[in-house]
């Protein structure tokens, strides 16, 4: 079992880092990077095998077009350097997952445009990847987005992990559609598993993850790892296809023990990579060590 870290943005806010909209987790990189290093260390001390670079919000959606053009390269390098510093200072064998975000906005499959997204993804590839051990394409909402990330990062000589975000349909948790309403089965059929090493599910409700893990386990051969890192937000419905546009409240039932109960179901269903997304902190990761 591989333990990931938790949600960087909400943890930065919790420890007192500069944090506001629209910059989200990128604001700490800009105003006080020491908090980012502290957050990485907190997850390492909790037991994370992987820490994720704080690069999710280094996109025009959060920074604005002008700031992105001026500062994106420096901020990407800084996010990689901070993760590498935390890794090198750790007494455990920690690895780095380079966070490749949905570059045109989370939960916005209808806004995805390959021509606009590709140069941003190539910037991430050329600037951030040298600092990491694994490439983690996060919160992928449509087949088109999945295929582009696969194409851009397929020749980087690092494991490529693709993480999909699912519709929060708690009335039908076994449906397993992406935020685009495309089915998981259709998505998996479009992935080249000669290029991709793991399929994960993130930034969705814990309740919808188990069925997705089972379907992926049945679809893929044993060489493909499967992972989950759910969020602690209330469900976001199909009319709210936008993430990080406001500071959402967290579900009170997703305590460390409550989250572990879900994680045990994911592990039983076939997941061997587990961590947390928004609202899941070091205290949750510490509890997840019971999975090992």
C-alpha atoms as a PDB file:
ATOM      1  CA  UNK A   1       0.000   0.000   0.000  1.00  0.00           C
ATOM      2  CA  UNK A   2       1.297   3.430  -1.010  1.00  0.00           C
ATOM      3  CA  UNK A   3       0.154   6.406   1.066  1.00  0.00           C
ATOM      4  CA  UNK A   4      -0.156   9.744  -0.671  1.00  0.00           C
ATOM      5  CA  UNK A   5      -0.424  13.067   1.123  1.00  0.00           C
ATOM      6  CA  UNK A   6      -3.592  15.106   1.597  1.00  0.00           C
ATOM      7  CA  UNK A   7      -5.014  18.359   0.290  1.00  0.00           C
ATOM      8  CA  UNK A   8      -2.351  21.059   0.173  1.00  0.00           C
ATOM      9  CA  UNK A   9      -4.618  24.112  -0.142  1.00  0.00           C
ATOM     10  CA  UNK A  10      -6.793  23.568   2.900  1.00  0.00           C
ATOM     11  CA  UNK A  11      -3.814  22.465   4.985  1.00  0.00           C
ATOM     12  CA  UNK A  12      -1.925  25.633   4.082  1.00  0.00           C
ATOM     13  CA  UNK A  13      -4.895  27.662   5.279  1.00  0.00           C
ATOM     14  CA  UNK A  14      -5.051  25.599   8.477  1.00  0.00           C
ATOM     15  CA  UNK A  15      -1.419  26.272   9.395  1.00  0.00           C
ATOM     16  CA  UNK A  16      -1.772  30.013   8.795  1.00  0.00           C
ATOM     17  CA  UNK A  17      -0.241  30.405   5.342  1.00  0.00           C
ATOM     18  CA  UNK A  18      -1.268  33.260   3.051  1.00  0.00           C
ATOM     19  CA  UNK A  19      -4.443  31.926   1.465  1.00  0.00           C
ATOM     20  CA  UNK A  20      -7.284  33.507  -0.465  1.00  0.00           C
ATOM     21  CA  UNK A  21      -9.190  33.330  -3.699  1.00  0.00           C
ATOM     22  CA  UNK A  22      -8.431  33.292  -6.522  1.00  0.00           C
ATOM     23  CA  UNK A  23      -4.782  32.323  -5.957  1.00  0.00           C
ATOM     24  CA  UNK A  24      -5.645  29.379  -3.665  1.00  0.00           C
ATOM     25  CA  UNK A  25      -2.562  27.319  -2.786  1.00  0.00           C
ATOM     26  CA  UNK A  26      -0.316  29.357  -5.106  1.00  0.00           C
ATOM     27  CA  UNK A  27      -0.476  32.374  -2.806  1.00  0.00           C
ATOM     28  CA  UNK A  28       1.863  30.766  -0.269  1.00  0.00           C
ATOM     29  CA  UNK A  29       4.424  30.186  -3.037  1.00  0.00           C
ATOM     30  CA  UNK A  30       4.236  33.875  -3.904  1.00  0.00           C
ATOM     31  CA  UNK A  31       4.184  35.412  -0.412  1.00  0.00           C
ATOM     32  CA  UNK A  32       5.766  32.910   2.014  1.00  0.00           C
ATOM     33  CA  UNK A  33       7.076  29.604   0.608  1.00  0.00           C
ATOM     34  CA  UNK A  34       8.203  28.448   4.060  1.00  0.00           C
ATOM     35  CA  UNK A  35       4.623  27.384   4.703  1.00  0.00           C
ATOM     36  CA  UNK A  36       4.701  25.080   1.695  1.00  0.00           C
ATOM     37  CA  UNK A  37       7.794  23.368   3.049  1.00  0.00           C
ATOM     38  CA  UNK A  38       6.126  23.087   6.443  1.00  0.00           C
ATOM     39  CA  UNK A  39       3.057  21.487   4.857  1.00  0.00           C
ATOM     40  CA  UNK A  40       5.173  18.934   2.995  1.00  0.00           C
ATOM     41  CA  UNK A  41       6.987  18.097   6.216  1.00  0.00           C
ATOM     42  CA  UNK A  42       3.715  17.686   8.078  1.00  0.00           C
ATOM     43  CA  UNK A  43       2.502  15.104   5.583  1.00  0.00           C
ATOM     44  CA  UNK A  44       5.839  13.300   5.621  1.00  0.00           C
ATOM     45  CA  UNK A  45       5.764  13.148   9.411  1.00  0.00           C
ATOM     46  CA  UNK A  46       2.218  11.770   9.237  1.00  0.00           C
ATOM     47  CA  UNK A  47       3.439   8.851   7.114  1.00  0.00           C
ATOM     48  CA  UNK A  48       3.023   9.852   3.469  1.00  0.00           C
ATOM     49  CA  UNK A  49       5.125   7.834   1.031  1.00  0.00           C
ATOM     50  CA  UNK A  50       4.563  10.511  -1.628  1.00  0.00           C
ATOM     51  CA  UNK A  51       4.284  14.258  -1.360  1.00  0.00           C
ATOM     52  CA  UNK A  52       2.662  16.214  -4.181  1.00  0.00           C
ATOM     53  CA  UNK A  53       4.236  19.372  -5.570  1.00  0.00           C
ATOM     54  CA  UNK A  54       2.302  22.523  -4.744  1.00  0.00           C
ATOM     55  CA  UNK A  55       1.728  23.301  -8.414  1.00  0.00           C
ATOM     56  CA  UNK A  56      -2.027  22.712  -8.742  1.00  0.00           C
ATOM     57  CA  UNK A  57      -2.948  26.396  -8.735  1.00  0.00           C
ATOM     58  CA  UNK A  58      -0.156  27.598 -11.021  1.00  0.00           C
ATOM     59  CA  UNK A  59      -2.605  28.122 -13.869  1.00  0.00           C
ATOM     60  CA  UNK A  60      -4.276  31.172 -15.431  1.00  0.00           C
ATOM     61  CA  UNK A  61      -7.589  30.245 -13.766  1.00  0.00           C
ATOM     62  CA  UNK A  62      -6.079  31.006 -10.342  1.00  0.00           C
ATOM     63  CA  UNK A  63      -3.274  33.461 -11.094  1.00  0.00           C
ATOM     64  CA  UNK A  64      -4.835  35.431 -13.929  1.00  0.00           C
ATOM     65  CA  UNK A  65      -3.351  35.560 -17.416  1.00  0.00           C
ATOM     66  CA  UNK A  66      -0.856  38.359 -16.749  1.00  0.00           C
ATOM     67  CA  UNK A  67       0.602  36.909 -13.546  1.00  0.00           C
ATOM     68  CA  UNK A  68       0.741  33.451 -15.104  1.00  0.00           C
ATOM     69  CA  UNK A  69       2.769  34.735 -18.064  1.00  0.00           C
ATOM     70  CA  UNK A  70       5.184  36.579 -15.780  1.00  0.00           C
ATOM     71  CA  UNK A  71       5.606  34.112 -12.923  1.00  0.00           C
ATOM     72  CA  UNK A  72       4.540  30.601 -13.960  1.00  0.00           C
ATOM     73  CA  UNK A  73       8.026  29.288 -14.734  1.00  0.00           C
ATOM     74  CA  UNK A  74       9.530  30.616 -11.491  1.00  0.00           C
ATOM     75  CA  UNK A  75       6.600  29.329  -9.427  1.00  0.00           C
ATOM     76  CA  UNK A  76       6.755  25.889 -11.022  1.00  0.00           C
ATOM     77  CA  UNK A  77      10.472  25.680 -10.291  1.00  0.00           C
ATOM     78  CA  UNK A  78       9.879  26.822  -6.712  1.00  0.00           C
ATOM     79  CA  UNK A  79       7.148  24.234  -6.146  1.00  0.00           C
ATOM     80  CA  UNK A  80       9.531  21.538  -7.371  1.00  0.00           C
ATOM     81  CA  UNK A  81      12.437  22.828  -5.301  1.00  0.00           C
ATOM     82  CA  UNK A  82      10.371  22.889  -2.102  1.00  0.00           C
ATOM     83  CA  UNK A  83       9.134  19.345  -2.619  1.00  0.00           C
ATOM     84  CA  UNK A  84      12.688  18.198  -3.344  1.00  0.00           C
ATOM     85  CA  UNK A  85      13.966  19.946  -0.221  1.00  0.00           C
ATOM     86  CA  UNK A  86      11.355  18.192   1.908  1.00  0.00           C
ATOM     87  CA  UNK A  87      12.225  14.859   0.300  1.00  0.00           C
ATOM     88  CA  UNK A  88      15.971  15.305   0.810  1.00  0.00           C
ATOM     89  CA  UNK A  89      15.517  16.354   4.440  1.00  0.00           C
ATOM     90  CA  UNK A  90      13.316  13.380   5.256  1.00  0.00           C
ATOM     91  CA  UNK A  91      14.607  10.328   7.063  1.00  0.00           C
ATOM     92  CA  UNK A  92      12.085   8.169   5.198  1.00  0.00           C
ATOM     93  CA  UNK A  93      12.171   7.209   1.518  1.00  0.00           C
ATOM     94  CA  UNK A  94       9.688   9.798   0.304  1.00  0.00           C
ATOM     95  CA  UNK A  95       8.978  10.319  -3.377  1.00  0.00           C
ATOM     96  CA  UNK A  96       7.525  13.291  -5.235  1.00  0.00           C
ATOM     97  CA  UNK A  97       4.420  13.298  -7.401  1.00  0.00           C
ATOM     98  CA  UNK A  98       4.513  16.242  -9.796  1.00  0.00           C
ATOM     99  CA  UNK A  99       1.016  17.710  -9.762  1.00  0.00           C
ATOM    100  CA  UNK A 100      -0.320  18.383 -13.245  1.00  0.00           C
ATOM    101  CA  UNK A 101      -3.615  20.222 -12.727  1.00  0.00           C
ATOM    102  CA  UNK A 102      -6.574  20.694 -15.061  1.00  0.00           C
ATOM    103  CA  UNK A 103      -4.979  23.742 -16.648  1.00  0.00           C
ATOM    104  CA  UNK A 104      -8.207  25.425 -17.769  1.00  0.00           C
ATOM    105  CA  UNK A 105     -10.040  24.997 -14.470  1.00  0.00           C
ATOM    106  CA  UNK A 106     -11.235  22.154 -12.273  1.00  0.00           C
ATOM    107  CA  UNK A 107     -14.635  20.541 -12.936  1.00  0.00           C
ATOM    108  CA  UNK A 108     -14.928  22.444 -16.224  1.00  0.00           C
ATOM    109  CA  UNK A 109     -14.951  19.856 -19.018  1.00  0.00           C
ATOM    110  CA  UNK A 110     -17.108  22.098 -21.162  1.00  0.00           C
ATOM    111  CA  UNK A 111     -14.365  24.753 -21.085  1.00  0.00           C
ATOM    112  CA  UNK A 112     -11.570  22.390 -22.079  1.00  0.00           C
ATOM    113  CA  UNK A 113      -9.803  23.285 -25.313  1.00  0.00           C
ATOM    114  CA  UNK A 114      -6.853  21.248 -26.521  1.00  0.00           C
ATOM    115  CA  UNK A 115      -5.189  24.151 -28.343  1.00  0.00           C
ATOM    116  CA  UNK A 116      -5.266  26.312 -25.210  1.00  0.00           C
ATOM    117  CA  UNK A 117      -4.351  23.535 -22.785  1.00  0.00           C
ATOM    118  CA  UNK A 118      -1.462  21.927 -24.625  1.00  0.00           C
ATOM    119  CA  UNK A 119       1.118  24.743 -24.352  1.00  0.00           C
ATOM    120  CA  UNK A 120       0.403  25.083 -20.633  1.00  0.00           C
ATOM    121  CA  UNK A 121       0.854  21.355 -20.119  1.00  0.00           C
ATOM    122  CA  UNK A 122       4.114  21.463 -22.080  1.00  0.00           C
ATOM    123  CA  UNK A 123       5.309  24.239 -19.773  1.00  0.00           C
ATOM    124  CA  UNK A 124       4.632  21.969 -16.792  1.00  0.00           C
ATOM    125  CA  UNK A 125       6.402  19.118 -18.557  1.00  0.00           C
ATOM    126  CA  UNK A 126       9.508  21.114 -19.363  1.00  0.00           C
ATOM    127  CA  UNK A 127       9.751  22.983 -16.042  1.00  0.00           C
ATOM    128  CA  UNK A 128       8.356  20.835 -13.225  1.00  0.00           C
ATOM    129  CA  UNK A 129       8.936  17.199 -14.167  1.00  0.00           C
ATOM    130  CA  UNK A 130      12.719  17.152 -13.478  1.00  0.00           C
ATOM    131  CA  UNK A 131      12.035  17.600  -9.747  1.00  0.00           C
ATOM    132  CA  UNK A 132       9.704  14.623  -9.356  1.00  0.00           C
ATOM    133  CA  UNK A 133       9.571  10.853  -9.407  1.00  0.00           C
ATOM    134  CA  UNK A 134       6.050  10.354 -10.768  1.00  0.00           C
ATOM    135  CA  UNK A 135       3.835  12.454 -13.034  1.00  0.00           C
ATOM    136  CA  UNK A 136       0.350  12.874 -11.563  1.00  0.00           C
ATOM    137  CA  UNK A 137      -2.314  14.244 -13.892  1.00  0.00           C
ATOM    138  CA  UNK A 138      -5.019  15.362 -11.467  1.00  0.00           C
ATOM    139  CA  UNK A 139      -8.774  15.979 -11.510  1.00  0.00           C
ATOM    140  CA  UNK A 140      -9.221  14.972 -15.144  1.00  0.00           C
ATOM    141  CA  UNK A 141     -12.836  15.604 -16.104  1.00  0.00           C
ATOM    142  CA  UNK A 142     -13.204  14.348 -19.680  1.00  0.00           C
ATOM    143  CA  UNK A 143     -11.812  11.830 -22.126  1.00  0.00           C
ATOM    144  CA  UNK A 144     -10.337  14.624 -24.248  1.00  0.00           C
ATOM    145  CA  UNK A 145      -8.441  15.961 -21.235  1.00  0.00           C
ATOM    146  CA  UNK A 146      -7.215  12.481 -20.267  1.00  0.00           C
ATOM    147  CA  UNK A 147      -5.917  11.783 -23.775  1.00  0.00           C
ATOM    148  CA  UNK A 148      -4.087  15.113 -24.010  1.00  0.00           C
ATOM    149  CA  UNK A 149      -2.311  14.649 -20.675  1.00  0.00           C
ATOM    150  CA  UNK A 150      -1.323  11.147 -21.743  1.00  0.00           C
ATOM    151  CA  UNK A 151       0.044  12.459 -25.050  1.00  0.00           C
ATOM    152  CA  UNK A 152       2.031  15.347 -23.575  1.00  0.00           C
ATOM    153  CA  UNK A 153       3.699  13.329 -20.806  1.00  0.00           C
ATOM    154  CA  UNK A 154       4.146   9.963 -22.493  1.00  0.00           C
ATOM    155  CA  UNK A 155       7.895  10.244 -23.142  1.00  0.00           C
ATOM    156  CA  UNK A 156       9.173  11.685 -19.857  1.00  0.00           C
ATOM    157  CA  UNK A 157      10.809   8.487 -18.580  1.00  0.00           C
ATOM    158  CA  UNK A 158       8.784   8.641 -15.385  1.00  0.00           C
ATOM    159  CA  UNK A 159       5.709   6.671 -14.292  1.00  0.00           C
ATOM    160  CA  UNK A 160       2.524   8.389 -15.468  1.00  0.00           C
ATOM    161  CA  UNK A 161      -0.488   8.357 -13.157  1.00  0.00           C
ATOM    162  CA  UNK A 162      -3.843   9.648 -14.384  1.00  0.00           C
ATOM    163  CA  UNK A 163      -6.385  10.701 -11.777  1.00  0.00           C
ATOM    164  CA  UNK A 164     -10.028  11.112 -12.797  1.00  0.00           C
ATOM    165  CA  UNK A 165     -12.727  13.085 -11.030  1.00  0.00           C
ATOM    166  CA  UNK A 166     -16.212  11.564 -10.922  1.00  0.00           C
ATOM    167  CA  UNK A 167     -19.699  12.979 -10.726  1.00  0.00           C
ATOM    168  CA  UNK A 168     -20.914  13.159  -7.115  1.00  0.00           C
ATOM    169  CA  UNK A 169     -24.083  11.183  -7.754  1.00  0.00           C
ATOM    170  CA  UNK A 170     -24.815   9.872  -4.267  1.00  0.00           C
ATOM    171  CA  UNK A 171     -28.182   8.532  -5.399  1.00  0.00           C
ATOM    172  CA  UNK A 172     -26.387   6.280  -7.899  1.00  0.00           C
ATOM    173  CA  UNK A 173     -22.828   5.860  -6.564  1.00  0.00           C
ATOM    174  CA  UNK A 174     -22.135   2.895  -8.829  1.00  0.00           C
ATOM    175  CA  UNK A 175     -22.616   4.844 -12.092  1.00  0.00           C
ATOM    176  CA  UNK A 176     -18.993   6.091 -12.288  1.00  0.00           C
ATOM    177  CA  UNK A 177     -19.231   8.892 -14.826  1.00  0.00           C
ATOM    178  CA  UNK A 178     -16.613  11.585 -15.259  1.00  0.00           C
ATOM    179  CA  UNK A 179     -17.635  15.205 -14.688  1.00  0.00           C
ATOM    180  CA  UNK A 180     -18.224  15.359 -18.445  1.00  0.00           C
ATOM    181  CA  UNK A 181     -20.902  12.644 -18.008  1.00  0.00           C
ATOM    182  CA  UNK A 182     -18.724  10.271 -20.066  1.00  0.00           C
ATOM    183  CA  UNK A 183     -18.595   6.786 -18.576  1.00  0.00           C
ATOM    184  CA  UNK A 184     -15.578   5.379 -16.800  1.00  0.00           C
ATOM    185  CA  UNK A 185     -15.657   2.364 -19.102  1.00  0.00           C
ATOM    186  CA  UNK A 186     -15.417   4.602 -22.194  1.00  0.00           C
ATOM    187  CA  UNK A 187     -12.579   6.534 -20.598  1.00  0.00           C
ATOM    188  CA  UNK A 188     -10.546   3.457 -19.737  1.00  0.00           C
ATOM    189  CA  UNK A 189     -10.966   2.246 -23.314  1.00  0.00           C
ATOM    190  CA  UNK A 190      -9.256   5.402 -24.586  1.00  0.00           C
ATOM    191  CA  UNK A 191      -6.186   5.065 -22.339  1.00  0.00           C
ATOM    192  CA  UNK A 192      -2.980   3.473 -23.621  1.00  0.00           C
ATOM    193  CA  UNK A 193      -1.867   1.268 -20.751  1.00  0.00           C
ATOM    194  CA  UNK A 194       1.534   0.851 -22.354  1.00  0.00           C
ATOM    195  CA  UNK A 195       2.077   4.476 -21.364  1.00  0.00           C
ATOM    196  CA  UNK A 196       0.091   4.765 -18.125  1.00  0.00           C
ATOM    197  CA  UNK A 197       1.128   3.092 -14.869  1.00  0.00           C
ATOM    198  CA  UNK A 198      -1.788   3.920 -12.568  1.00  0.00           C
ATOM    199  CA  UNK A 199      -5.395   5.070 -12.631  1.00  0.00           C
ATOM    200  CA  UNK A 200      -6.610   7.067  -9.654  1.00  0.00           C
ATOM    201  CA  UNK A 201      -9.769   8.902  -8.626  1.00  0.00           C
ATOM    202  CA  UNK A 202      -9.663  12.222  -6.800  1.00  0.00           C
ATOM    203  CA  UNK A 203     -11.630  15.277  -5.714  1.00  0.00           C
ATOM    204  CA  UNK A 204     -14.966  13.443  -5.570  1.00  0.00           C
ATOM    205  CA  UNK A 205     -17.103  12.117  -2.750  1.00  0.00           C
ATOM    206  CA  UNK A 206     -15.820   9.026  -0.914  1.00  0.00           C
ATOM    207  CA  UNK A 207     -19.085   7.214  -1.631  1.00  0.00           C
ATOM    208  CA  UNK A 208     -18.538   7.111  -5.417  1.00  0.00           C
ATOM    209  CA  UNK A 209     -15.000   5.738  -5.302  1.00  0.00           C
ATOM    210  CA  UNK A 210     -15.511   2.069  -4.451  1.00  0.00           C
ATOM    211  CA  UNK A 211     -17.478   1.182  -7.587  1.00  0.00           C
ATOM    212  CA  UNK A 212     -14.948   3.009  -9.762  1.00  0.00           C
ATOM    213  CA  UNK A 213     -12.097   1.060  -8.193  1.00  0.00           C
ATOM    214  CA  UNK A 214     -13.868  -2.252  -8.816  1.00  0.00           C
ATOM    215  CA  UNK A 215     -14.602  -1.392 -12.451  1.00  0.00           C
ATOM    216  CA  UNK A 216     -11.006  -0.332 -13.036  1.00  0.00           C
ATOM    217  CA  UNK A 217      -9.674  -3.452 -11.342  1.00  0.00           C
ATOM    218  CA  UNK A 218     -11.828  -5.602 -13.598  1.00  0.00           C
ATOM    219  CA  UNK A 219     -10.771  -3.671 -16.704  1.00  0.00           C
ATOM    220  CA  UNK A 220      -7.005  -3.452 -16.129  1.00  0.00           C
ATOM    221  CA  UNK A 221      -4.382  -6.126 -15.710  1.00  0.00           C
ATOM    222  CA  UNK A 222      -2.494  -6.508 -12.437  1.00  0.00           C
ATOM    223  CA  UNK A 223       0.421  -4.351 -13.587  1.00  0.00           C
ATOM    224  CA  UNK A 224      -1.750  -1.210 -13.373  1.00  0.00           C
ATOM    225  CA  UNK A 225      -1.986   0.346  -9.935  1.00  0.00           C
ATOM    226  CA  UNK A 226      -5.277   1.839  -8.740  1.00  0.00           C
ATOM    227  CA  UNK A 227      -5.624   4.727  -6.329  1.00  0.00           C
ATOM    228  CA  UNK A 228      -8.095   6.966  -4.534  1.00  0.00           C
ATOM    229  CA  UNK A 229      -7.834  10.342  -2.832  1.00  0.00           C
ATOM    230  CA  UNK A 230     -11.286  11.702  -2.135  1.00  0.00           C
ATOM    231  CA  UNK A 231     -12.226  15.160  -0.911  1.00  0.00           C
ATOM    232  CA  UNK A 232     -14.069  16.182   2.230  1.00  0.00           C
ATOM    233  CA  UNK A 233     -16.445  18.638   0.574  1.00  0.00           C
ATOM    234  CA  UNK A 234     -20.181  18.077   0.331  1.00  0.00           C
ATOM    235  CA  UNK A 235     -21.331  16.726  -3.025  1.00  0.00           C
ATOM    236  CA  UNK A 236     -20.941  19.035  -6.024  1.00  0.00           C
ATOM    237  CA  UNK A 237     -23.729  18.457  -8.525  1.00  0.00           C
ATOM    238  CA  UNK A 238     -23.727  18.726 -12.303  1.00  0.00           C
ATOM    239  CA  UNK A 239     -24.732  22.393 -12.190  1.00  0.00           C
ATOM    240  CA  UNK A 240     -21.654  23.232 -10.088  1.00  0.00           C
ATOM    241  CA  UNK A 241     -18.922  22.079 -12.473  1.00  0.00           C
ATOM    242  CA  UNK A 242     -16.319  24.328 -10.957  1.00  0.00           C
ATOM    243  CA  UNK A 243     -13.915  23.711  -8.097  1.00  0.00           C
ATOM    244  CA  UNK A 244     -11.888  26.088  -5.907  1.00  0.00           C
ATOM    245  CA  UNK A 245     -14.142  29.003  -6.833  1.00  0.00           C
ATOM    246  CA  UNK A 246     -15.159  29.307  -3.195  1.00  0.00           C
ATOM    247  CA  UNK A 247     -14.059  27.998   0.195  1.00  0.00           C
ATOM    248  CA  UNK A 248     -16.497  25.157   0.752  1.00  0.00           C
ATOM    249  CA  UNK A 249     -17.292  23.778   4.189  1.00  0.00           C
ATOM    250  CA  UNK A 250     -16.086  20.309   5.086  1.00  0.00           C
ATOM    251  CA  UNK A 251     -18.175  17.275   5.941  1.00  0.00           C
ATOM    252  CA  UNK A 252     -18.143  16.718   9.728  1.00  0.00           C
ATOM    253  CA  UNK A 253     -18.413  12.941   9.332  1.00  0.00           C
ATOM    254  CA  UNK A 254     -15.099  12.663   7.493  1.00  0.00           C
ATOM    255  CA  UNK A 255     -12.977  12.534  10.610  1.00  0.00           C
ATOM    256  CA  UNK A 256      -9.756  10.523  10.343  1.00  0.00           C
ATOM    257  CA  UNK A 257     -11.638   7.435  11.537  1.00  0.00           C
ATOM    258  CA  UNK A 258     -14.541   8.106   9.182  1.00  0.00           C
ATOM    259  CA  UNK A 259     -12.221   8.526   6.220  1.00  0.00           C
ATOM    260  CA  UNK A 260     -10.324   5.347   7.133  1.00  0.00           C
ATOM    261  CA  UNK A 261     -13.589   3.385   6.994  1.00  0.00           C
ATOM    262  CA  UNK A 262     -14.029   4.433   3.362  1.00  0.00           C
ATOM    263  CA  UNK A 263     -10.375   3.746   2.586  1.00  0.00           C
ATOM    264  CA  UNK A 264     -10.685   0.204   3.888  1.00  0.00           C
ATOM    265  CA  UNK A 265     -13.473  -0.384   1.352  1.00  0.00           C
ATOM    266  CA  UNK A 266     -11.316   1.019  -1.456  1.00  0.00           C
ATOM    267  CA  UNK A 267      -8.416  -1.187  -0.463  1.00  0.00           C
ATOM    268  CA  UNK A 268     -10.654  -4.252  -0.387  1.00  0.00           C
ATOM    269  CA  UNK A 269     -11.993  -3.307  -3.844  1.00  0.00           C
ATOM    270  CA  UNK A 270      -8.483  -3.238  -5.278  1.00  0.00           C
ATOM    271  CA  UNK A 271      -6.875   0.146  -4.525  1.00  0.00           C
ATOM    272  CA  UNK A 272      -3.201   0.064  -3.591  1.00  0.00           C
ATOM    273  CA  UNK A 273      -2.565   3.848  -3.619  1.00  0.00           C
ATOM    274  CA  UNK A 274      -4.582   5.892  -1.122  1.00  0.00           C
ATOM    275  CA  UNK A 275      -4.400   9.452   0.126  1.00  0.00           C
ATOM    276  CA  UNK A 276      -6.606  12.497   0.433  1.00  0.00           C
ATOM    277  CA  UNK A 277      -7.690  15.525  -1.573  1.00  0.00           C
ATOM    278  CA  UNK A 278      -9.251  18.802  -0.407  1.00  0.00           C
ATOM    279  CA  UNK A 279      -9.896  18.889   3.334  1.00  0.00           C
ATOM    280  CA  UNK A 280      -7.964  15.707   4.115  1.00  0.00           C
ATOM    281  CA  UNK A 281      -5.051  16.598   6.366  1.00  0.00           C
ATOM    282  CA  UNK A 282      -2.037  14.986   8.046  1.00  0.00           C
ATOM    283  CA  UNK A 283      -4.248  13.631  10.824  1.00  0.00           C
ATOM    284  CA  UNK A 284      -6.144  11.608   8.210  1.00  0.00           C
ATOM    285  CA  UNK A 285      -2.926  10.310   6.634  1.00  0.00           C
ATOM    286  CA  UNK A 286      -1.686   9.219  10.041  1.00  0.00           C
ATOM    287  CA  UNK A 287      -4.875   7.187  10.476  1.00  0.00           C
ATOM    288  CA  UNK A 288      -4.488   5.678   6.994  1.00  0.00           C
ATOM    289  CA  UNK A 289      -1.248   4.037   8.130  1.00  0.00           C
ATOM    290  CA  UNK A 290      -3.509   1.352   9.594  1.00  0.00           C
ATOM    291  CA  UNK A 291      -4.059   0.143   6.023  1.00  0.00           C
ATOM    292  CA  UNK A 292      -0.490  -1.095   5.791  1.00  0.00           C
END
